[in-house]
């Protein structure tokens, strides 16, 4: 992945650090989203399969 800087040169480092930050932010949002979903919605509002799926999905990202 390369993007052009304002000077017209290619900046690989900027892309790497930028995409890393984006990925980390995405994971943080995802994990906090999982936590809020599982705590704010009672398990009885889910079908059991759905609830298990969400918990497994959250566990993958909470490692």
PDB file of N, CA and C in Angstrom:
ATOM      1  N   UNK A   1       0.834  -1.201   0.000  1.00  0.00           N
ATOM      2  CA  UNK A   1       0.000   0.000   0.000  1.00  0.00           C
ATOM      3  C   UNK A   1       0.868   1.250   0.000  1.00  0.00           C
ATOM      4  N   UNK A   2       0.601   2.133  -0.892  1.00  0.00           N
ATOM      5  CA  UNK A   2       1.356   3.389  -0.947  1.00  0.00           C
ATOM      6  C   UNK A   2       0.384   4.537  -1.151  1.00  0.00           C
ATOM      7  N   UNK A   3       0.648   5.640  -0.484  1.00  0.00           N
ATOM      8  CA  UNK A   3      -0.113   6.852  -0.773  1.00  0.00           C
ATOM      9  C   UNK A   3       0.861   7.956  -1.114  1.00  0.00           C
ATOM     10  N   UNK A   4       0.409   8.881  -1.918  1.00  0.00           N
ATOM     11  CA  UNK A   4       1.265  10.007  -2.284  1.00  0.00           C
ATOM     12  C   UNK A   4       1.158  11.069  -1.200  1.00  0.00           C
ATOM     13  N   UNK A   5       2.320  11.598  -0.806  1.00  0.00           N
ATOM     14  CA  UNK A   5       2.304  12.705   0.146  1.00  0.00           C
ATOM     15  C   UNK A   5       2.097  13.992  -0.634  1.00  0.00           C
ATOM     16  N   UNK A   6       1.927  15.091   0.072  1.00  0.00           N
ATOM     17  CA  UNK A   6       1.704  16.375  -0.600  1.00  0.00           C
ATOM     18  C   UNK A   6       2.900  16.756  -1.459  1.00  0.00           C
ATOM     19  N   UNK A   7       4.079  16.286  -1.069  1.00  0.00           N
ATOM     20  CA  UNK A   7       5.286  16.608  -1.835  1.00  0.00           C
ATOM     21  C   UNK A   7       5.382  15.768  -3.096  1.00  0.00           C
ATOM     22  N   UNK A   8       4.529  14.773  -3.203  1.00  0.00           N
ATOM     23  CA  UNK A   8       4.530  13.952  -4.407  1.00  0.00           C
ATOM     24  C   UNK A   8       5.314  12.663  -4.253  1.00  0.00           C
ATOM     25  N   UNK A   9       5.993  12.490  -3.106  1.00  0.00           N
ATOM     26  CA  UNK A   9       6.758  11.270  -2.888  1.00  0.00           C
ATOM     27  C   UNK A   9       5.887  10.190  -2.269  1.00  0.00           C
ATOM     28  N   UNK A  10       6.350   8.949  -2.364  1.00  0.00           N
ATOM     29  CA  UNK A  10       5.600   7.860  -1.750  1.00  0.00           C
ATOM     30  C   UNK A  10       6.037   7.694  -0.305  1.00  0.00           C
ATOM     31  N   UNK A  11       5.082   7.596   0.569  1.00  0.00           N
ATOM     32  CA  UNK A  11       5.405   7.420   1.982  1.00  0.00           C
ATOM     33  C   UNK A  11       4.860   6.079   2.458  1.00  0.00           C
ATOM     34  N   UNK A  12       5.734   5.095   2.530  1.00  0.00           N
ATOM     35  CA  UNK A  12       5.309   3.765   2.967  1.00  0.00           C
ATOM     36  C   UNK A  12       5.163   3.743   4.482  1.00  0.00           C
ATOM     37  N   UNK A  13       6.101   4.399   5.161  1.00  0.00           N
ATOM     38  CA  UNK A  13       6.057   4.403   6.627  1.00  0.00           C
ATOM     39  C   UNK A  13       4.771   5.007   7.156  1.00  0.00           C
ATOM     40  N   UNK A  14       4.361   6.120   6.557  1.00  0.00           N
ATOM     41  CA  UNK A  14       3.137   6.773   7.012  1.00  0.00           C
ATOM     42  C   UNK A  14       1.952   5.831   6.887  1.00  0.00           C
ATOM     43  N   UNK A  15       1.891   5.117   5.770  1.00  0.00           N
ATOM     44  CA  UNK A  15       0.781   4.190   5.552  1.00  0.00           C
ATOM     45  C   UNK A  15       0.816   3.081   6.591  1.00  0.00           C
ATOM     46  N   UNK A  16       2.020   2.532   6.828  1.00  0.00           N
ATOM     47  CA  UNK A  16       2.128   1.434   7.782  1.00  0.00           C
ATOM     48  C   UNK A  16       1.675   1.846   9.168  1.00  0.00           C
ATOM     49  N   UNK A  17       2.168   2.982   9.653  1.00  0.00           N
ATOM     50  CA  UNK A  17       1.792   3.409  10.997  1.00  0.00           C
ATOM     51  C   UNK A  17       0.324   3.820  11.033  1.00  0.00           C
ATOM     52  N   UNK A  18      -0.149   4.418   9.957  1.00  0.00           N
ATOM     53  CA  UNK A  18      -1.546   4.859   9.900  1.00  0.00           C
ATOM     54  C   UNK A  18      -2.485   3.657   9.914  1.00  0.00           C
ATOM     55  N   UNK A  19      -2.209   2.669   9.065  1.00  0.00           N
ATOM     56  CA  UNK A  19      -3.088   1.504   9.003  1.00  0.00           C
ATOM     57  C   UNK A  19      -3.031   0.720  10.308  1.00  0.00           C
ATOM     58  N   UNK A  20      -1.873   0.747  10.965  1.00  0.00           N
ATOM     59  CA  UNK A  20      -1.741   0.067  12.250  1.00  0.00           C
ATOM     60  C   UNK A  20      -2.644   0.727  13.286  1.00  0.00           C
ATOM     61  N   UNK A  21      -2.627   2.049  13.306  1.00  0.00           N
ATOM     62  CA  UNK A  21      -3.484   2.793  14.230  1.00  0.00           C
ATOM     63  C   UNK A  21      -4.948   2.505  13.933  1.00  0.00           C
ATOM     64  N   UNK A  22      -5.297   2.484  12.653  1.00  0.00           N
ATOM     65  CA  UNK A  22      -6.684   2.216  12.265  1.00  0.00           C
ATOM     66  C   UNK A  22      -7.106   0.828  12.729  1.00  0.00           C
ATOM     67  N   UNK A  23      -6.237  -0.155  12.501  1.00  0.00           N
ATOM     68  CA  UNK A  23      -6.552  -1.528  12.905  1.00  0.00           C
ATOM     69  C   UNK A  23      -6.717  -1.613  14.414  1.00  0.00           C
ATOM     70  N   UNK A  24      -5.800  -0.967  15.164  1.00  0.00           N
ATOM     71  CA  UNK A  24      -5.892  -1.000  16.623  1.00  0.00           C
ATOM     72  C   UNK A  24      -7.170  -0.328  17.102  1.00  0.00           C
ATOM     73  N   UNK A  25      -7.506   0.814  16.520  1.00  0.00           N
ATOM     74  CA  UNK A  25      -8.746   1.506  16.881  1.00  0.00           C
ATOM     75  C   UNK A  25      -9.945   0.625  16.582  1.00  0.00           C
ATOM     76  N   UNK A  26      -9.917  -0.025  15.412  1.00  0.00           N
ATOM     77  CA  UNK A  26     -11.005  -0.906  15.012  1.00  0.00           C
ATOM     78  C   UNK A  26     -11.182  -2.031  16.025  1.00  0.00           C
ATOM     79  N   UNK A  27     -10.060  -2.644  16.449  1.00  0.00           N
ATOM     80  CA  UNK A  27     -10.130  -3.730  17.425  1.00  0.00           C
ATOM     81  C   UNK A  27     -10.672  -3.242  18.757  1.00  0.00           C
ATOM     82  N   UNK A  28     -10.220  -2.060  19.190  1.00  0.00           N
ATOM     83  CA  UNK A  28     -10.704  -1.505  20.460  1.00  0.00           C
ATOM     84  C   UNK A  28     -12.206  -1.279  20.395  1.00  0.00           C
ATOM     85  N   UNK A  29     -12.661  -0.684  19.298  1.00  0.00           N
ATOM     86  CA  UNK A  29     -14.099  -0.433  19.130  1.00  0.00           C
ATOM     87  C   UNK A  29     -14.862  -1.748  19.109  1.00  0.00           C
ATOM     88  N   UNK A  30     -14.311  -2.720  18.397  1.00  0.00           N
ATOM     89  CA  UNK A  30     -14.959  -4.022  18.280  1.00  0.00           C
ATOM     90  C   UNK A  30     -15.094  -4.682  19.643  1.00  0.00           C
ATOM     91  N   UNK A  31     -13.995  -4.714  20.405  1.00  0.00           N
ATOM     92  CA  UNK A  31     -14.012  -5.361  21.717  1.00  0.00           C
ATOM     93  C   UNK A  31     -14.956  -4.634  22.663  1.00  0.00           C
ATOM     94  N   UNK A  32     -14.875  -3.300  22.696  1.00  0.00           N
ATOM     95  CA  UNK A  32     -15.762  -2.559  23.592  1.00  0.00           C
ATOM     96  C   UNK A  32     -17.209  -2.711  23.138  1.00  0.00           C
ATOM     97  N   UNK A  33     -17.417  -2.806  21.836  1.00  0.00           N
ATOM     98  CA  UNK A  33     -18.759  -3.050  21.312  1.00  0.00           C
ATOM     99  C   UNK A  33     -19.274  -4.400  21.770  1.00  0.00           C
ATOM    100  N   UNK A  34     -18.415  -5.413  21.713  1.00  0.00           N
ATOM    101  CA  UNK A  34     -18.797  -6.747  22.173  1.00  0.00           C
ATOM    102  C   UNK A  34     -19.188  -6.708  23.641  1.00  0.00           C
ATOM    103  N   UNK A  35     -18.374  -6.029  24.438  1.00  0.00           N
ATOM    104  CA  UNK A  35     -18.632  -5.970  25.876  1.00  0.00           C
ATOM    105  C   UNK A  35     -19.958  -5.277  26.141  1.00  0.00           C
ATOM    106  N   UNK A  36     -20.189  -4.135  25.498  1.00  0.00           N
ATOM    107  CA  UNK A  36     -21.438  -3.411  25.751  1.00  0.00           C
ATOM    108  C   UNK A  36     -22.630  -4.210  25.258  1.00  0.00           C
ATOM    109  N   UNK A  37     -22.494  -4.864  24.104  1.00  0.00           N
ATOM    110  CA  UNK A  37     -23.608  -5.665  23.587  1.00  0.00           C
ATOM    111  C   UNK A  37     -23.942  -6.781  24.561  1.00  0.00           C
ATOM    112  N   UNK A  38     -22.913  -7.498  25.030  1.00  0.00           N
ATOM    113  CA  UNK A  38     -23.194  -8.653  25.875  1.00  0.00           C
ATOM    114  C   UNK A  38     -23.670  -8.241  27.268  1.00  0.00           C
ATOM    115  N   UNK A  39     -23.332  -7.026  27.713  1.00  0.00           N
ATOM    116  CA  UNK A  39     -23.783  -6.620  29.050  1.00  0.00           C
ATOM    117  C   UNK A  39     -25.109  -5.865  29.021  1.00  0.00           C
ATOM    118  N   UNK A  40     -25.373  -5.130  27.944  1.00  0.00           N
ATOM    119  CA  UNK A  40     -26.588  -4.325  27.925  1.00  0.00           C
ATOM    120  C   UNK A  40     -27.795  -5.112  27.451  1.00  0.00           C
ATOM    121  N   UNK A  41     -27.558  -6.101  26.611  1.00  0.00           N
ATOM    122  CA  UNK A  41     -28.658  -6.951  26.180  1.00  0.00           C
ATOM    123  C   UNK A  41     -28.643  -8.184  27.063  1.00  0.00           C
ATOM    124  N   UNK A  42     -29.765  -8.499  27.624  1.00  0.00           N
ATOM    125  CA  UNK A  42     -29.822  -9.694  28.463  1.00  0.00           C
ATOM    126  C   UNK A  42     -29.771 -10.932  27.583  1.00  0.00           C
ATOM    127  N   UNK A  43     -29.142 -11.995  28.084  1.00  0.00           N
ATOM    128  CA  UNK A  43     -29.045 -13.240  27.306  1.00  0.00           C
ATOM    129  C   UNK A  43     -30.413 -13.742  26.854  1.00  0.00           C
ATOM    130  N   UNK A  44     -31.459 -13.458  27.618  1.00  0.00           N
ATOM    131  CA  UNK A  44     -32.791 -13.954  27.264  1.00  0.00           C
ATOM    132  C   UNK A  44     -33.306 -13.302  25.981  1.00  0.00           C
ATOM    133  N   UNK A  45     -32.729 -12.152  25.609  1.00  0.00           N
ATOM    134  CA  UNK A  45     -33.163 -11.481  24.383  1.00  0.00           C
ATOM    135  C   UNK A  45     -32.530 -12.111  23.143  1.00  0.00           C
ATOM    136  N   UNK A  46     -31.536 -12.929  23.360  1.00  0.00           N
ATOM    137  CA  UNK A  46     -30.896 -13.627  22.252  1.00  0.00           C
ATOM    138  C   UNK A  46     -31.449 -15.040  22.168  1.00  0.00           C
ATOM    139  N   UNK A  47     -31.313 -15.626  21.001  1.00  0.00           N
ATOM    140  CA  UNK A  47     -31.432 -17.076  20.961  1.00  0.00           C
ATOM    141  C   UNK A  47     -30.104 -17.594  21.499  1.00  0.00           C
ATOM    142  N   UNK A  48     -30.097 -18.786  22.038  1.00  0.00           N
ATOM    143  CA  UNK A  48     -28.863 -19.302  22.655  1.00  0.00           C
ATOM    144  C   UNK A  48     -27.712 -19.347  21.659  1.00  0.00           C
ATOM    145  N   UNK A  49     -27.995 -19.777  20.444  1.00  0.00           N
ATOM    146  CA  UNK A  49     -26.940 -19.870  19.429  1.00  0.00           C
ATOM    147  C   UNK A  49     -26.314 -18.511  19.159  1.00  0.00           C
ATOM    148  N   UNK A  50     -27.161 -17.501  19.049  1.00  0.00           N
ATOM    149  CA  UNK A  50     -26.681 -16.147  18.791  1.00  0.00           C
ATOM    150  C   UNK A  50     -25.750 -15.692  19.904  1.00  0.00           C
ATOM    151  N   UNK A  51     -26.169 -15.929  21.130  1.00  0.00           N
ATOM    152  CA  UNK A  51     -25.394 -15.485  22.284  1.00  0.00           C
ATOM    153  C   UNK A  51     -24.037 -16.176  22.316  1.00  0.00           C
ATOM    154  N   UNK A  52     -24.036 -17.472  22.048  1.00  0.00           N
ATOM    155  CA  UNK A  52     -22.779 -18.230  22.032  1.00  0.00           C
ATOM    156  C   UNK A  52     -21.876 -17.699  20.918  1.00  0.00           C
ATOM    157  N   UNK A  53     -22.464 -17.438  19.751  1.00  0.00           N
ATOM    158  CA  UNK A  53     -21.685 -16.902  18.629  1.00  0.00           C
ATOM    159  C   UNK A  53     -21.030 -15.589  19.004  1.00  0.00           C
ATOM    160  N   UNK A  54     -21.791 -14.695  19.611  1.00  0.00           N
ATOM    161  CA  UNK A  54     -21.253 -13.384  19.994  1.00  0.00           C
ATOM    162  C   UNK A  54     -20.123 -13.562  20.998  1.00  0.00           C
ATOM    163  N   UNK A  55     -20.317 -14.430  21.985  1.00  0.00           N
ATOM    164  CA  UNK A  55     -19.279 -14.642  22.991  1.00  0.00           C
ATOM    165  C   UNK A  55     -18.009 -15.207  22.367  1.00  0.00           C
ATOM    166  N   UNK A  56     -18.152 -16.163  21.462  1.00  0.00           N
ATOM    167  CA  UNK A  56     -16.977 -16.731  20.802  1.00  0.00           C
ATOM    168  C   UNK A  56     -16.279 -15.670  19.968  1.00  0.00           C
ATOM    169  N   UNK A  57     -17.070 -14.868  19.254  1.00  0.00           N
ATOM    170  CA  UNK A  57     -16.520 -13.804  18.418  1.00  0.00           C
ATOM    171  C   UNK A  57     -15.744 -12.813  19.267  1.00  0.00           C
ATOM    172  N   UNK A  58     -16.281 -12.468  20.432  1.00  0.00           N
ATOM    173  CA  UNK A  58     -15.607 -11.521  21.312  1.00  0.00           C
ATOM    174  C   UNK A  58     -14.330 -12.131  21.882  1.00  0.00           C
ATOM    175  N   UNK A  59     -14.367 -13.405  22.194  1.00  0.00           N
ATOM    176  CA  UNK A  59     -13.194 -14.056  22.771  1.00  0.00           C
ATOM    177  C   UNK A  59     -12.031 -14.054  21.797  1.00  0.00           C
ATOM    178  N   UNK A  60     -12.329 -14.208  20.517  1.00  0.00           N
ATOM    179  CA  UNK A  60     -11.274 -14.204  19.503  1.00  0.00           C
ATOM    180  C   UNK A  60     -10.480 -12.907  19.590  1.00  0.00           C
ATOM    181  N   UNK A  61     -11.187 -11.774  19.792  1.00  0.00           N
ATOM    182  CA  UNK A  61     -10.527 -10.476  19.756  1.00  0.00           C
ATOM    183  C   UNK A  61     -10.015 -10.021  21.112  1.00  0.00           C
ATOM    184  N   UNK A  62     -10.376 -10.738  22.172  1.00  0.00           N
ATOM    185  CA  UNK A  62      -9.931 -10.290  23.499  1.00  0.00           C
ATOM    186  C   UNK A  62      -8.644 -10.981  23.934  1.00  0.00           C
ATOM    187  N   UNK A  63      -8.017 -11.712  23.003  1.00  0.00           N
ATOM    188  CA  UNK A  63      -6.749 -12.383  23.334  1.00  0.00           C
ATOM    189  C   UNK A  63      -5.644 -11.350  23.421  1.00  0.00           C
TER     190      UNK A  63
END
